[in-house]
Amino acid sequence: MTSSRFSNIGDRCTSATEQRLGRDEEDYCIICMDCFQKKITLRCSHSFCSSCIDSVFQIKPACPVCNTFHGTYEGTQPRDGIMTVRRNWQCLPGYEEGNGHIAIDYHFTDGVQGPEHPNPGEKYSSTSRTAFLPACEEGEKVLRLLQTAFHRRLIFTIGTSATTGLNNSITWNDIHHKTNIGGGPQFFGYPDPGYLSRVQEELRLKGVTEES
């Protein structure tokens, strides 16, 4: 059923193909590729049909055009995890002028998958991981962001382990960590001059910034 706003033939979009080929992007919703129905414009200035953006936000509350978050995104990380922080005097390769390093310990006990996981009711095994950050100003910033991401259940998820190939495993969730002190990027360690910038961008894509 067409809204009265498009009652004039000259204003009505007749097909998704016509919109894509002959109309400005501002005339239609990029999710359904049809004319706006109950148009909503987000704070980031991108517009969508009300029902279209509602369906997107049920999965991830971010604009599908620019990925600006409109609300807090919570992931599927198991709820019983513990994140602890230790500090060590040893400097990381590439950060020899720093104040040592930060060690982050993650621990999860055995559990049962919930409705948000791939196989609800099935068990997953315990796991422990340790990651490292330089104890410098930017490293401290990344630590704060990681703590926020952990609280929002974004650091880990449940799926197939890239290391063992086992299903129903607790896995990293696209926020890369340095799990070795040395060895460089190929061994998930330092030195790696661009790492702190990259991980901040990965966190931003999940809605985790100093402002949010």
N, C-alpha and C. Protein backbone atom coordinates (compact mmCIF):
# COMPACT_ATOMS: atom_id res chain seq x y z
N MET A 1 0.86 -1.18 0.00
CA MET A 1 0.00 0.00 0.00
C MET A 1 0.90 1.23 0.00
N THR A 2 0.63 2.18 -0.94
CA THR A 2 1.49 3.34 -1.10
C THR A 2 1.02 4.49 -0.23
N SER A 3 1.93 5.14 0.44
CA SER A 3 1.60 6.27 1.30
C SER A 3 1.07 7.42 0.46
N SER A 4 0.23 8.28 1.08
CA SER A 4 -0.34 9.42 0.37
C SER A 4 0.73 10.40 -0.06
N ARG A 5 1.90 10.34 0.55
CA ARG A 5 2.98 11.24 0.16
C ARG A 5 3.43 10.97 -1.27
N PHE A 6 3.14 9.79 -1.78
CA PHE A 6 3.58 9.44 -3.12
C PHE A 6 2.39 9.23 -4.05
N SER A 7 1.28 9.96 -3.77
CA SER A 7 0.06 9.74 -4.54
C SER A 7 0.18 10.27 -5.96
N ASN A 8 1.01 11.27 -6.20
CA ASN A 8 1.19 11.79 -7.56
C ASN A 8 2.12 10.89 -8.34
N ILE A 9 1.72 10.57 -9.56
CA ILE A 9 2.49 9.64 -10.37
C ILE A 9 3.93 10.13 -10.54
N GLY A 10 4.08 11.44 -10.71
CA GLY A 10 5.42 11.95 -10.93
C GLY A 10 6.32 11.80 -9.74
N ASP A 11 5.75 11.66 -8.55
CA ASP A 11 6.56 11.55 -7.34
C ASP A 11 6.74 10.11 -6.91
N ARG A 12 5.94 9.21 -7.47
CA ARG A 12 5.95 7.84 -6.96
C ARG A 12 7.09 7.04 -7.60
N CYS A 13 7.78 6.26 -6.79
CA CYS A 13 8.81 5.36 -7.30
C CYS A 13 8.10 4.08 -7.75
N THR A 14 8.27 3.68 -8.98
CA THR A 14 7.50 2.54 -9.49
C THR A 14 8.21 1.22 -9.32
N SER A 15 9.51 1.23 -9.13
CA SER A 15 10.22 -0.03 -8.96
C SER A 15 11.58 0.22 -8.37
N ALA A 16 12.16 -0.83 -7.77
CA ALA A 16 13.51 -0.70 -7.23
C ALA A 16 14.51 -0.42 -8.33
N THR A 17 14.28 -1.00 -9.51
CA THR A 17 15.20 -0.77 -10.62
C THR A 17 15.20 0.70 -11.03
N GLU A 18 14.00 1.30 -11.12
CA GLU A 18 13.91 2.71 -11.48
C GLU A 18 14.64 3.57 -10.47
N GLN A 19 14.48 3.23 -9.19
CA GLN A 19 15.14 4.02 -8.15
C GLN A 19 16.64 3.96 -8.31
N ARG A 20 17.16 2.75 -8.51
CA ARG A 20 18.61 2.60 -8.59
C ARG A 20 19.18 3.34 -9.80
N LEU A 21 18.43 3.29 -10.91
CA LEU A 21 18.99 3.82 -12.14
C LEU A 21 18.69 5.29 -12.36
N GLY A 22 17.49 5.75 -11.91
CA GLY A 22 17.09 7.08 -12.31
C GLY A 22 16.86 8.07 -11.20
N ARG A 23 17.01 7.67 -9.94
CA ARG A 23 16.70 8.59 -8.86
C ARG A 23 17.89 8.79 -7.94
N ASP A 24 17.89 9.92 -7.30
CA ASP A 24 18.93 10.23 -6.33
C ASP A 24 18.80 9.30 -5.13
N GLU A 25 19.92 8.99 -4.51
CA GLU A 25 19.92 8.08 -3.37
C GLU A 25 19.02 8.56 -2.25
N GLU A 26 18.82 9.87 -2.14
CA GLU A 26 18.01 10.42 -1.06
C GLU A 26 16.52 10.11 -1.24
N ASP A 27 16.12 9.62 -2.40
CA ASP A 27 14.71 9.37 -2.67
C ASP A 27 14.21 8.02 -2.17
N TYR A 28 15.12 7.13 -1.80
CA TYR A 28 14.67 5.78 -1.44
C TYR A 28 15.54 5.18 -0.33
N CYS A 29 15.00 4.15 0.27
CA CYS A 29 15.68 3.45 1.36
C CYS A 29 16.66 2.44 0.78
N ILE A 30 17.91 2.50 1.19
CA ILE A 30 18.91 1.60 0.62
C ILE A 30 18.80 0.18 1.16
N ILE A 31 18.00 -0.01 2.20
CA ILE A 31 17.84 -1.36 2.74
C ILE A 31 16.87 -2.17 1.87
N CYS A 32 15.69 -1.61 1.62
CA CYS A 32 14.69 -2.33 0.82
C CYS A 32 14.70 -1.93 -0.64
N MET A 33 15.48 -0.88 -0.98
CA MET A 33 15.57 -0.37 -2.34
C MET A 33 14.21 0.05 -2.88
N ASP A 34 13.36 0.59 -2.01
CA ASP A 34 12.04 1.07 -2.41
C ASP A 34 11.83 2.45 -1.80
N CYS A 35 10.71 3.08 -2.15
CA CYS A 35 10.41 4.40 -1.61
C CYS A 35 10.26 4.34 -0.09
N PHE A 36 10.58 5.44 0.55
CA PHE A 36 10.48 5.50 2.00
C PHE A 36 9.05 5.25 2.47
N GLN A 37 8.92 4.42 3.47
CA GLN A 37 7.66 4.22 4.18
C GLN A 37 7.92 4.59 5.64
N LYS A 38 7.27 5.63 6.12
CA LYS A 38 7.51 6.15 7.47
C LYS A 38 8.99 6.45 7.65
N LYS A 39 9.47 7.38 6.85
CA LYS A 39 10.89 7.74 6.81
C LYS A 39 11.41 8.18 8.17
N ILE A 40 12.56 7.64 8.53
CA ILE A 40 13.26 8.03 9.76
C ILE A 40 14.67 8.47 9.39
N THR A 41 15.10 9.60 9.90
CA THR A 41 16.46 10.09 9.68
C THR A 41 17.24 9.99 10.99
N LEU A 42 18.35 9.27 10.95
CA LEU A 42 19.17 9.08 12.14
C LEU A 42 20.03 10.31 12.42
N ARG A 43 20.65 10.34 13.58
CA ARG A 43 21.51 11.46 13.95
C ARG A 43 22.66 11.64 12.95
N CYS A 44 23.07 10.57 12.30
CA CYS A 44 24.17 10.64 11.33
C CYS A 44 23.70 11.17 9.99
N SER A 45 22.40 11.52 9.88
CA SER A 45 21.79 12.14 8.70
C SER A 45 21.39 11.15 7.61
N HIS A 46 21.53 9.84 7.84
CA HIS A 46 21.09 8.86 6.86
C HIS A 46 19.65 8.43 7.17
N SER A 47 18.85 8.24 6.12
CA SER A 47 17.43 7.97 6.28
C SER A 47 17.05 6.59 5.78
N PHE A 48 16.03 6.00 6.43
CA PHE A 48 15.56 4.66 6.10
C PHE A 48 14.07 4.56 6.40
N CYS A 49 13.43 3.52 5.87
CA CYS A 49 12.08 3.20 6.30
C CYS A 49 12.13 2.80 7.77
N SER A 50 11.09 3.17 8.51
CA SER A 50 11.05 2.85 9.93
C SER A 50 11.20 1.35 10.17
N SER A 51 10.43 0.53 9.43
CA SER A 51 10.48 -0.92 9.66
C SER A 51 11.82 -1.51 9.24
N CYS A 52 12.44 -0.94 8.20
CA CYS A 52 13.73 -1.45 7.73
C CYS A 52 14.83 -1.23 8.77
N ILE A 53 14.91 -0.01 9.28
CA ILE A 53 15.99 0.26 10.24
C ILE A 53 15.72 -0.43 11.56
N ASP A 54 14.45 -0.63 11.92
CA ASP A 54 14.13 -1.39 13.13
C ASP A 54 14.66 -2.82 13.01
N SER A 55 14.50 -3.43 11.84
CA SER A 55 14.97 -4.80 11.66
C SER A 55 16.49 -4.88 11.72
N VAL A 56 17.17 -3.85 11.20
CA VAL A 56 18.63 -3.81 11.27
C VAL A 56 19.09 -3.65 12.72
N PHE A 57 18.44 -2.76 13.45
CA PHE A 57 18.84 -2.48 14.83
C PHE A 57 18.60 -3.68 15.75
N GLN A 58 17.74 -4.60 15.38
CA GLN A 58 17.55 -5.80 16.19
C GLN A 58 18.81 -6.66 16.19
N ILE A 59 19.61 -6.53 15.15
CA ILE A 59 20.87 -7.28 15.04
C ILE A 59 22.05 -6.45 15.55
N LYS A 60 22.09 -5.19 15.12
CA LYS A 60 23.21 -4.31 15.48
C LYS A 60 22.73 -2.88 15.36
N PRO A 61 22.77 -2.10 16.45
CA PRO A 61 22.23 -0.73 16.42
C PRO A 61 23.17 0.27 15.77
N ALA A 62 23.51 0.01 14.52
CA ALA A 62 24.44 0.88 13.79
C ALA A 62 23.88 1.20 12.42
N CYS A 63 24.16 2.41 11.95
CA CYS A 63 23.73 2.83 10.63
C CYS A 63 24.38 1.93 9.58
N PRO A 64 23.60 1.34 8.67
CA PRO A 64 24.19 0.46 7.65
C PRO A 64 25.00 1.20 6.59
N VAL A 65 24.95 2.52 6.59
CA VAL A 65 25.74 3.30 5.63
C VAL A 65 27.10 3.67 6.21
N CYS A 66 27.11 4.27 7.40
CA CYS A 66 28.37 4.79 7.95
C CYS A 66 28.83 4.07 9.21
N ASN A 67 28.04 3.12 9.71
CA ASN A 67 28.34 2.34 10.90
C ASN A 67 28.36 3.16 12.19
N THR A 68 27.78 4.36 12.18
CA THR A 68 27.62 5.11 13.41
C THR A 68 26.63 4.38 14.31
N PHE A 69 26.99 4.21 15.57
CA PHE A 69 26.12 3.48 16.49
C PHE A 69 25.07 4.41 17.09
N HIS A 70 23.88 3.89 17.21
CA HIS A 70 22.76 4.62 17.79
C HIS A 70 22.22 3.76 18.94
N GLY A 71 22.95 3.76 20.03
CA GLY A 71 22.64 2.88 21.14
C GLY A 71 23.86 2.02 21.45
N THR A 72 23.73 1.17 22.44
CA THR A 72 24.83 0.33 22.88
C THR A 72 24.68 -1.07 22.29
N TYR A 73 25.74 -1.55 21.70
CA TYR A 73 25.76 -2.88 21.08
C TYR A 73 26.27 -3.90 22.08
N GLU A 74 25.47 -4.92 22.37
CA GLU A 74 25.89 -6.00 23.25
C GLU A 74 26.09 -7.26 22.43
N GLY A 75 27.21 -7.95 22.67
CA GLY A 75 27.54 -9.14 21.91
C GLY A 75 27.03 -10.42 22.54
N THR A 76 27.66 -11.52 22.17
CA THR A 76 27.22 -12.85 22.60
C THR A 76 28.27 -13.57 23.43
N GLN A 77 29.23 -12.84 23.94
CA GLN A 77 30.26 -13.43 24.80
C GLN A 77 29.61 -14.12 26.00
N PRO A 78 30.08 -15.30 26.39
CA PRO A 78 29.53 -15.96 27.59
C PRO A 78 29.58 -15.02 28.80
N ARG A 79 28.55 -15.10 29.62
CA ARG A 79 28.38 -14.13 30.70
C ARG A 79 29.27 -14.39 31.91
N ASP A 80 29.85 -15.57 32.02
CA ASP A 80 30.59 -15.91 33.24
C ASP A 80 32.08 -15.59 33.15
N GLY A 81 32.49 -14.80 32.16
CA GLY A 81 33.90 -14.53 31.98
C GLY A 81 34.47 -13.55 32.99
N ILE A 82 35.77 -13.65 33.20
CA ILE A 82 36.50 -12.76 34.10
C ILE A 82 37.68 -12.15 33.33
N MET A 83 37.85 -10.85 33.47
CA MET A 83 38.97 -10.13 32.86
C MET A 83 39.78 -9.48 33.98
N THR A 84 41.05 -9.84 34.08
CA THR A 84 41.91 -9.24 35.11
C THR A 84 43.13 -8.62 34.45
N VAL A 85 43.70 -7.62 35.11
CA VAL A 85 44.82 -6.85 34.57
C VAL A 85 46.01 -6.95 35.51
N ARG A 86 47.17 -7.26 34.93
CA ARG A 86 48.42 -7.28 35.69
C ARG A 86 49.41 -6.33 35.02
N ARG A 87 50.39 -5.88 35.78
CA ARG A 87 51.41 -4.99 35.22
C ARG A 87 52.80 -5.57 35.47
N ASN A 88 53.67 -5.39 34.47
CA ASN A 88 55.01 -5.97 34.52
C ASN A 88 56.03 -4.92 34.10
N TRP A 89 57.21 -4.97 34.68
CA TRP A 89 58.25 -3.98 34.39
C TRP A 89 58.87 -4.15 33.01
N GLN A 90 58.76 -5.34 32.41
CA GLN A 90 59.41 -5.63 31.14
C GLN A 90 58.75 -4.85 30.00
N CYS A 91 59.56 -4.11 29.24
CA CYS A 91 59.02 -3.36 28.10
C CYS A 91 58.84 -4.27 26.90
N LEU A 92 57.86 -3.97 26.08
CA LEU A 92 57.60 -4.74 24.88
C LEU A 92 58.49 -4.27 23.74
N PRO A 93 58.87 -5.16 22.82
CA PRO A 93 59.65 -4.74 21.65
C PRO A 93 58.93 -3.62 20.89
N GLY A 94 59.67 -2.54 20.62
CA GLY A 94 59.08 -1.38 19.97
C GLY A 94 58.62 -0.32 20.95
N TYR A 95 58.60 -0.66 22.24
CA TYR A 95 58.18 0.28 23.28
C TYR A 95 59.20 0.29 24.42
N GLU A 96 60.47 0.30 24.03
CA GLU A 96 61.54 0.21 25.03
C GLU A 96 61.61 1.42 25.95
N GLU A 97 61.03 2.54 25.53
CA GLU A 97 61.06 3.75 26.36
C GLU A 97 59.82 3.85 27.26
N GLY A 98 59.02 2.82 27.28
CA GLY A 98 57.79 2.85 28.05
C GLY A 98 57.97 2.46 29.50
N ASN A 99 56.87 2.17 30.15
CA ASN A 99 56.87 1.83 31.57
C ASN A 99 56.49 0.37 31.81
N GLY A 100 57.08 -0.50 30.98
CA GLY A 100 56.75 -1.91 31.12
C GLY A 100 55.56 -2.28 30.24
N HIS A 101 54.84 -3.33 30.63
CA HIS A 101 53.69 -3.74 29.83
C HIS A 101 52.51 -4.13 30.71
N ILE A 102 51.37 -4.21 30.06
CA ILE A 102 50.12 -4.61 30.70
C ILE A 102 49.77 -6.01 30.22
N ALA A 103 49.47 -6.90 31.14
CA ALA A 103 49.02 -8.25 30.79
C ALA A 103 47.54 -8.37 31.15
N ILE A 104 46.75 -8.81 30.20
CA ILE A 104 45.31 -8.97 30.41
C ILE A 104 44.99 -10.46 30.41
N ASP A 105 44.40 -10.94 31.46
CA ASP A 105 44.01 -12.35 31.56
C ASP A 105 42.50 -12.48 31.43
N TYR A 106 42.08 -13.35 30.51
CA TYR A 106 40.67 -13.67 30.35
C TYR A 106 40.44 -15.13 30.77
N HIS A 107 39.38 -15.37 31.49
CA HIS A 107 39.08 -16.75 31.88
C HIS A 107 37.58 -17.00 31.84
N PHE A 108 37.22 -18.14 31.24
CA PHE A 108 35.83 -18.58 31.17
C PHE A 108 35.74 -20.03 31.64
N THR A 109 34.73 -20.33 32.44
CA THR A 109 34.49 -21.70 32.88
C THR A 109 33.59 -22.40 31.86
N ASP A 110 33.42 -23.72 32.03
CA ASP A 110 32.49 -24.47 31.19
C ASP A 110 31.10 -23.87 31.32
N GLY A 111 30.31 -23.98 30.27
CA GLY A 111 28.96 -23.45 30.34
C GLY A 111 28.06 -24.06 29.29
N VAL A 112 26.84 -23.54 29.23
CA VAL A 112 25.84 -24.00 28.27
C VAL A 112 25.41 -22.81 27.42
N GLN A 113 25.32 -23.02 26.13
CA GLN A 113 24.97 -21.94 25.21
C GLN A 113 23.53 -21.45 25.44
N GLY A 114 23.38 -20.14 25.33
CA GLY A 114 22.07 -19.53 25.48
C GLY A 114 21.38 -19.34 24.14
N PRO A 115 20.23 -18.71 24.14
CA PRO A 115 19.46 -18.53 22.91
C PRO A 115 20.17 -17.65 21.87
N GLU A 116 21.13 -16.84 22.31
CA GLU A 116 21.85 -15.97 21.38
C GLU A 116 23.02 -16.67 20.69
N HIS A 117 23.28 -17.92 21.06
CA HIS A 117 24.42 -18.66 20.53
C HIS A 117 24.02 -19.61 19.41
N PRO A 118 25.00 -20.17 18.67
CA PRO A 118 24.69 -21.02 17.51
C PRO A 118 23.91 -22.29 17.85
N ASN A 119 24.19 -22.89 19.00
CA ASN A 119 23.54 -24.16 19.36
C ASN A 119 23.03 -24.10 20.80
N PRO A 120 21.92 -23.42 21.01
CA PRO A 120 21.38 -23.26 22.37
C PRO A 120 21.20 -24.62 23.06
N GLY A 121 21.64 -24.64 24.32
CA GLY A 121 21.50 -25.86 25.10
C GLY A 121 22.72 -26.77 25.06
N GLU A 122 23.59 -26.57 24.07
CA GLU A 122 24.80 -27.38 23.99
C GLU A 122 25.91 -26.75 24.83
N LYS A 123 26.82 -27.59 25.28
CA LYS A 123 27.89 -27.13 26.17
C LYS A 123 29.04 -26.51 25.37
N TYR A 124 29.77 -25.62 26.05
CA TYR A 124 31.04 -25.12 25.54
C TYR A 124 32.07 -25.29 26.65
N SER A 125 33.33 -25.42 26.24
CA SER A 125 34.41 -25.71 27.19
C SER A 125 35.04 -24.44 27.73
N SER A 126 35.69 -24.57 28.86
CA SER A 126 36.39 -23.45 29.48
C SER A 126 37.58 -23.03 28.62
N THR A 127 38.02 -21.82 28.81
CA THR A 127 39.21 -21.35 28.11
C THR A 127 39.85 -20.22 28.90
N SER A 128 41.15 -20.05 28.72
CA SER A 128 41.89 -18.94 29.33
C SER A 128 42.80 -18.35 28.26
N ARG A 129 42.89 -17.04 28.20
CA ARG A 129 43.76 -16.35 27.23
C ARG A 129 44.48 -15.22 27.96
N THR A 130 45.69 -14.91 27.49
CA THR A 130 46.44 -13.77 28.00
C THR A 130 46.89 -12.92 26.83
N ALA A 131 46.74 -11.62 26.97
CA ALA A 131 47.12 -10.68 25.92
C ALA A 131 47.97 -9.57 26.53
N PHE A 132 48.70 -8.84 25.66
CA PHE A 132 49.67 -7.86 26.14
C PHE A 132 49.50 -6.51 25.44
N LEU A 133 49.68 -5.45 26.23
CA LEU A 133 49.67 -4.09 25.74
C LEU A 133 50.86 -3.34 26.31
N PRO A 134 51.39 -2.36 25.56
CA PRO A 134 52.45 -1.54 26.15
C PRO A 134 51.86 -0.59 27.20
N ALA A 135 52.62 -0.37 28.27
CA ALA A 135 52.16 0.53 29.33
C ALA A 135 52.55 1.96 28.98
N CYS A 136 51.93 2.47 27.91
CA CYS A 136 52.13 3.85 27.48
C CYS A 136 50.76 4.51 27.41
N GLU A 137 50.71 5.78 27.07
CA GLU A 137 49.43 6.49 27.06
C GLU A 137 48.41 5.84 26.13
N GLU A 138 48.85 5.48 24.90
CA GLU A 138 47.91 4.87 23.97
C GLU A 138 47.54 3.45 24.41
N GLY A 139 48.49 2.74 25.00
CA GLY A 139 48.19 1.40 25.50
C GLY A 139 47.16 1.44 26.63
N GLU A 140 47.27 2.44 27.49
CA GLU A 140 46.29 2.60 28.57
C GLU A 140 44.91 2.91 28.01
N LYS A 141 44.87 3.69 26.94
CA LYS A 141 43.59 4.00 26.29
C LYS A 141 42.96 2.73 25.74
N VAL A 142 43.76 1.92 25.05
CA VAL A 142 43.24 0.66 24.49
C VAL A 142 42.75 -0.25 25.61
N LEU A 143 43.45 -0.28 26.73
CA LEU A 143 43.00 -1.09 27.87
C LEU A 143 41.61 -0.66 28.31
N ARG A 144 41.38 0.63 28.45
CA ARG A 144 40.07 1.12 28.87
C ARG A 144 38.98 0.71 27.86
N LEU A 145 39.31 0.80 26.58
CA LEU A 145 38.35 0.42 25.55
C LEU A 145 38.06 -1.08 25.60
N LEU A 146 39.09 -1.88 25.82
CA LEU A 146 38.90 -3.33 25.92
C LEU A 146 38.05 -3.69 27.14
N GLN A 147 38.24 -2.97 28.23
CA GLN A 147 37.42 -3.23 29.42
C GLN A 147 35.94 -2.93 29.13
N THR A 148 35.69 -1.85 28.40
CA THR A 148 34.32 -1.53 28.00
C THR A 148 33.76 -2.62 27.08
N ALA A 149 34.57 -3.05 26.12
CA ALA A 149 34.14 -4.09 25.18
C ALA A 149 33.85 -5.40 25.92
N PHE A 150 34.65 -5.73 26.90
CA PHE A 150 34.41 -6.96 27.67
C PHE A 150 33.09 -6.85 28.44
N HIS A 151 32.86 -5.70 29.04
CA HIS A 151 31.61 -5.48 29.77
C HIS A 151 30.40 -5.62 28.85
N ARG A 152 30.56 -5.24 27.58
CA ARG A 152 29.46 -5.33 26.61
C ARG A 152 29.43 -6.70 25.90
N ARG A 153 30.25 -7.61 26.32
CA ARG A 153 30.27 -8.99 25.80
C ARG A 153 30.70 -9.02 24.32
N LEU A 154 31.71 -8.24 24.00
CA LEU A 154 32.13 -8.12 22.60
C LEU A 154 33.49 -8.75 22.28
N ILE A 155 34.27 -9.11 23.28
CA ILE A 155 35.62 -9.61 23.02
C ILE A 155 35.60 -11.03 22.46
N PHE A 156 34.71 -11.85 22.98
CA PHE A 156 34.63 -13.26 22.57
C PHE A 156 33.23 -13.58 22.07
N THR A 157 33.11 -14.71 21.40
CA THR A 157 31.82 -15.26 21.02
C THR A 157 31.94 -16.77 21.05
N ILE A 158 30.92 -17.47 20.62
CA ILE A 158 30.97 -18.93 20.53
C ILE A 158 30.81 -19.33 19.08
N GLY A 159 31.70 -20.18 18.61
CA GLY A 159 31.65 -20.61 17.22
C GLY A 159 32.66 -21.72 16.98
N THR A 160 33.24 -21.73 15.78
CA THR A 160 34.23 -22.74 15.41
C THR A 160 35.62 -22.17 15.61
N SER A 161 36.44 -22.88 16.35
CA SER A 161 37.80 -22.42 16.63
C SER A 161 38.65 -22.44 15.36
N ALA A 162 39.29 -21.32 15.06
CA ALA A 162 40.18 -21.26 13.90
C ALA A 162 41.45 -22.06 14.13
N THR A 163 41.78 -22.33 15.39
CA THR A 163 43.00 -23.06 15.73
C THR A 163 42.78 -24.56 15.71
N THR A 164 41.70 -25.02 16.35
CA THR A 164 41.46 -26.47 16.48
C THR A 164 40.41 -27.00 15.52
N GLY A 165 39.58 -26.10 14.97
CA GLY A 165 38.49 -26.55 14.10
C GLY A 165 37.29 -27.09 14.85
N LEU A 166 37.31 -27.02 16.18
CA LEU A 166 36.23 -27.56 16.98
C LEU A 166 35.05 -26.58 17.05
N ASN A 167 33.85 -27.12 16.95
CA ASN A 167 32.65 -26.31 17.10
C ASN A 167 32.35 -26.07 18.57
N ASN A 168 31.43 -25.16 18.83
CA ASN A 168 30.99 -24.86 20.21
C ASN A 168 32.17 -24.44 21.09
N SER A 169 33.04 -23.63 20.53
CA SER A 169 34.22 -23.16 21.25
C SER A 169 34.11 -21.66 21.50
N ILE A 170 34.73 -21.21 22.57
CA ILE A 170 34.85 -19.77 22.82
C ILE A 170 35.97 -19.24 21.93
N THR A 171 35.64 -18.26 21.08
CA THR A 171 36.60 -17.75 20.11
C THR A 171 36.70 -16.22 20.21
N TRP A 172 37.80 -15.69 19.69
CA TRP A 172 37.93 -14.24 19.56
C TRP A 172 36.83 -13.72 18.64
N ASN A 173 36.41 -12.47 18.86
CA ASN A 173 35.30 -11.90 18.10
C ASN A 173 35.73 -10.67 17.30
N ASP A 174 36.78 -10.84 16.48
CA ASP A 174 37.23 -9.80 15.55
C ASP A 174 37.78 -8.56 16.22
N ILE A 175 38.22 -8.67 17.46
CA ILE A 175 39.00 -7.62 18.11
C ILE A 175 40.35 -8.25 18.43
N HIS A 176 41.32 -7.96 17.60
CA HIS A 176 42.58 -8.69 17.67
C HIS A 176 43.40 -8.33 18.91
N HIS A 177 44.01 -9.34 19.48
CA HIS A 177 44.85 -9.20 20.67
C HIS A 177 46.25 -9.72 20.38
N LYS A 178 47.21 -9.15 21.07
CA LYS A 178 48.58 -9.65 21.00
C LYS A 178 48.77 -10.68 22.12
N THR A 179 48.88 -11.94 21.73
CA THR A 179 48.98 -13.01 22.72
C THR A 179 50.42 -13.45 22.98
N ASN A 180 51.38 -12.80 22.33
CA ASN A 180 52.80 -13.02 22.60
C ASN A 180 53.49 -11.69 22.80
N ILE A 181 54.54 -11.70 23.60
CA ILE A 181 55.31 -10.48 23.82
C ILE A 181 56.15 -10.13 22.60
N GLY A 182 56.81 -11.12 22.02
CA GLY A 182 57.67 -10.89 20.88
C GLY A 182 57.26 -11.69 19.66
N GLY A 183 58.12 -11.64 18.64
CA GLY A 183 57.88 -12.43 17.44
C GLY A 183 57.27 -11.68 16.28
N GLY A 184 56.78 -10.46 16.53
CA GLY A 184 56.18 -9.68 15.46
C GLY A 184 54.77 -10.12 15.11
N PRO A 185 54.16 -9.48 14.11
CA PRO A 185 52.77 -9.77 13.75
C PRO A 185 52.50 -11.22 13.38
N GLN A 186 53.47 -11.88 12.75
CA GLN A 186 53.23 -13.25 12.31
C GLN A 186 53.07 -14.22 13.48
N PHE A 187 53.53 -13.82 14.65
CA PHE A 187 53.37 -14.64 15.85
C PHE A 187 52.48 -13.94 16.88
N PHE A 188 51.66 -13.01 16.40
CA PHE A 188 50.71 -12.29 17.25
C PHE A 188 51.42 -11.57 18.40
N GLY A 189 52.60 -11.02 18.07
CA GLY A 189 53.37 -10.33 19.09
C GLY A 189 53.89 -8.99 18.61
N TYR A 190 54.81 -8.44 19.37
CA TYR A 190 55.45 -7.16 19.08
C TYR A 190 56.85 -7.42 18.56
N PRO A 191 57.46 -6.46 17.81
CA PRO A 191 56.94 -5.12 17.49
C PRO A 191 55.90 -5.16 16.38
N ASP A 192 54.98 -4.23 16.44
CA ASP A 192 53.95 -4.07 15.42
C ASP A 192 53.44 -2.63 15.54
N PRO A 193 54.10 -1.68 14.86
CA PRO A 193 53.83 -0.25 15.07
C PRO A 193 52.38 0.16 14.84
N GLY A 194 51.65 -0.53 13.98
CA GLY A 194 50.29 -0.12 13.68
C GLY A 194 49.21 -0.79 14.49
N TYR A 195 49.59 -1.68 15.41
CA TYR A 195 48.59 -2.48 16.12
C TYR A 195 47.61 -1.65 16.94
N LEU A 196 48.12 -0.72 17.73
CA LEU A 196 47.22 0.04 18.63
C LEU A 196 46.20 0.84 17.83
N SER A 197 46.59 1.35 16.68
CA SER A 197 45.63 2.07 15.84
C SER A 197 44.61 1.11 15.24
N ARG A 198 45.05 -0.06 14.81
CA ARG A 198 44.14 -1.03 14.19
C ARG A 198 43.11 -1.54 15.19
N VAL A 199 43.55 -1.85 16.39
CA VAL A 199 42.61 -2.40 17.36
C VAL A 199 41.60 -1.35 17.80
N GLN A 200 42.00 -0.08 17.83
CA GLN A 200 41.03 0.98 18.14
C GLN A 200 39.97 1.09 17.04
N GLU A 201 40.36 0.88 15.79
CA GLU A 201 39.39 0.90 14.70
C GLU A 201 38.46 -0.31 14.80
N GLU A 202 38.98 -1.47 15.16
CA GLU A 202 38.13 -2.64 15.34
C GLU A 202 37.12 -2.42 16.46
N LEU A 203 37.56 -1.77 17.51
CA LEU A 203 36.66 -1.45 18.62
C LEU A 203 35.61 -0.42 18.20
N ARG A 204 36.02 0.56 17.41
CA ARG A 204 35.07 1.58 16.94
C ARG A 204 33.97 0.93 16.11
N LEU A 205 34.33 -0.05 15.29
CA LEU A 205 33.35 -0.72 14.45
C LEU A 205 32.33 -1.51 15.27
N LYS A 206 32.64 -1.75 16.53
CA LYS A 206 31.67 -2.40 17.42
C LYS A 206 31.05 -1.39 18.39
N GLY A 207 31.25 -0.11 18.10
CA GLY A 207 30.61 0.93 18.89
C GLY A 207 31.34 1.29 20.16
N VAL A 208 32.60 0.89 20.30
CA VAL A 208 33.36 1.17 21.53
C VAL A 208 34.38 2.28 21.25
N THR A 209 34.10 3.45 21.79
CA THR A 209 35.03 4.57 21.70
C THR A 209 35.08 5.24 23.07
N GLU A 210 35.96 6.21 23.21
CA GLU A 210 36.02 6.92 24.48
C GLU A 210 34.75 7.73 24.73
N GLU A 211 34.04 8.06 23.67
CA GLU A 211 32.83 8.86 23.80
C GLU A 211 31.59 8.01 24.04
N SER A 212 31.69 6.70 23.85
CA SER A 212 30.50 5.86 23.96
C SER A 212 30.67 4.74 24.97
